[in-house]
Amino acid sequence: MMAISAGARRRIAAEHNGRAWLAWNIVALDRARKLPPLKSLLIDADRPQQQARTWRQQLVVARQLAGLA
């Protein structure tokens, strides 16, 4: 039961921190004289999206993670 409570507290704190970060950045960008390009704010904006793995590729990765390969 304690682990569930500790996990829930961490989740709630992370959600709060995410909202606080968002609010802070909204105000900071509103005060900026010149906005940075949107691409500079996005993660992996210029990297092409990866194609979905086949089930065989997923199986290979799962075996590698489990130490079976």
Protein backbone atom coordinates (compact mmCIF):
# COMPACT_ATOMS: atom_id res chain seq x y z
CA MET A 1 0.00 0.00 0.00
CA MET A 2 2.87 2.39 0.81
CA ALA A 3 4.41 1.84 -2.63
CA ILE A 4 1.14 2.79 -4.29
CA SER A 5 0.92 5.96 -2.20
CA ALA A 6 4.54 6.88 -2.94
CA GLY A 7 3.99 6.24 -6.65
CA ALA A 8 0.82 8.32 -6.67
CA ARG A 9 2.62 11.17 -4.89
CA ARG A 10 5.42 11.09 -7.49
CA ARG A 11 2.87 11.08 -10.33
CA ILE A 12 0.96 14.00 -8.85
CA ALA A 13 4.21 15.93 -8.29
CA ALA A 14 5.34 15.24 -11.87
CA GLU A 15 1.97 16.41 -13.24
CA HIS A 16 2.14 19.56 -11.12
CA ASN A 17 5.71 20.26 -12.21
CA GLY A 18 4.72 19.82 -15.85
CA ARG A 19 1.88 22.30 -15.51
CA ALA A 20 4.12 24.77 -13.63
CA TRP A 21 6.78 24.48 -16.35
CA LEU A 22 4.15 25.11 -19.03
CA ALA A 23 2.74 28.17 -17.24
CA TRP A 24 6.22 29.59 -16.65
CA ASN A 25 7.17 29.18 -20.30
CA ILE A 26 3.91 30.71 -21.55
CA VAL A 27 4.60 33.84 -19.51
CA ALA A 28 8.29 33.89 -20.53
CA LEU A 29 7.43 33.60 -24.23
CA ASP A 30 4.76 36.28 -23.85
CA ARG A 31 7.41 38.65 -22.48
CA ALA A 32 9.99 37.85 -25.17
CA ARG A 33 10.59 40.56 -27.73
CA LYS A 34 11.22 38.00 -30.45
CA LEU A 35 9.88 34.47 -30.41
CA PRO A 36 12.32 31.65 -31.13
CA PRO A 37 11.47 29.48 -34.13
CA LEU A 38 8.97 26.78 -33.23
CA LYS A 39 11.34 24.08 -34.54
CA SER A 40 13.89 25.04 -31.88
CA LEU A 41 11.31 24.29 -29.17
CA LEU A 42 10.24 20.90 -30.53
CA ILE A 43 12.00 17.64 -29.80
CA ASP A 44 13.28 15.82 -32.88
CA ALA A 45 11.42 18.16 -35.21
CA ASP A 46 13.72 17.56 -38.18
CA ARG A 47 14.26 13.84 -37.62
CA PRO A 48 12.08 11.66 -39.85
CA GLN A 49 9.64 9.44 -38.02
CA GLN A 50 10.66 5.81 -37.63
CA GLN A 51 8.64 3.14 -39.32
CA ALA A 52 6.79 0.69 -37.11
CA ARG A 53 8.69 -2.48 -36.31
CA THR A 54 7.44 -5.85 -37.48
CA TRP A 55 6.55 -8.41 -34.83
CA ARG A 56 9.79 -10.24 -35.63
CA GLN A 57 11.84 -7.10 -35.01
CA GLN A 58 9.96 -6.54 -31.75
CA LEU A 59 10.70 -10.13 -30.71
CA VAL A 60 14.43 -9.63 -31.35
CA VAL A 61 14.42 -6.48 -29.20
CA ALA A 62 12.46 -8.22 -26.42
CA ARG A 63 14.93 -11.11 -26.40
CA GLN A 64 17.86 -8.69 -26.29
CA LEU A 65 16.31 -6.85 -23.35
CA ALA A 66 15.68 -10.15 -21.55
CA GLY A 67 19.25 -11.27 -22.20
CA LEU A 68 18.16 -14.23 -24.31
CA ALA A 69 19.84 -13.19 -27.54
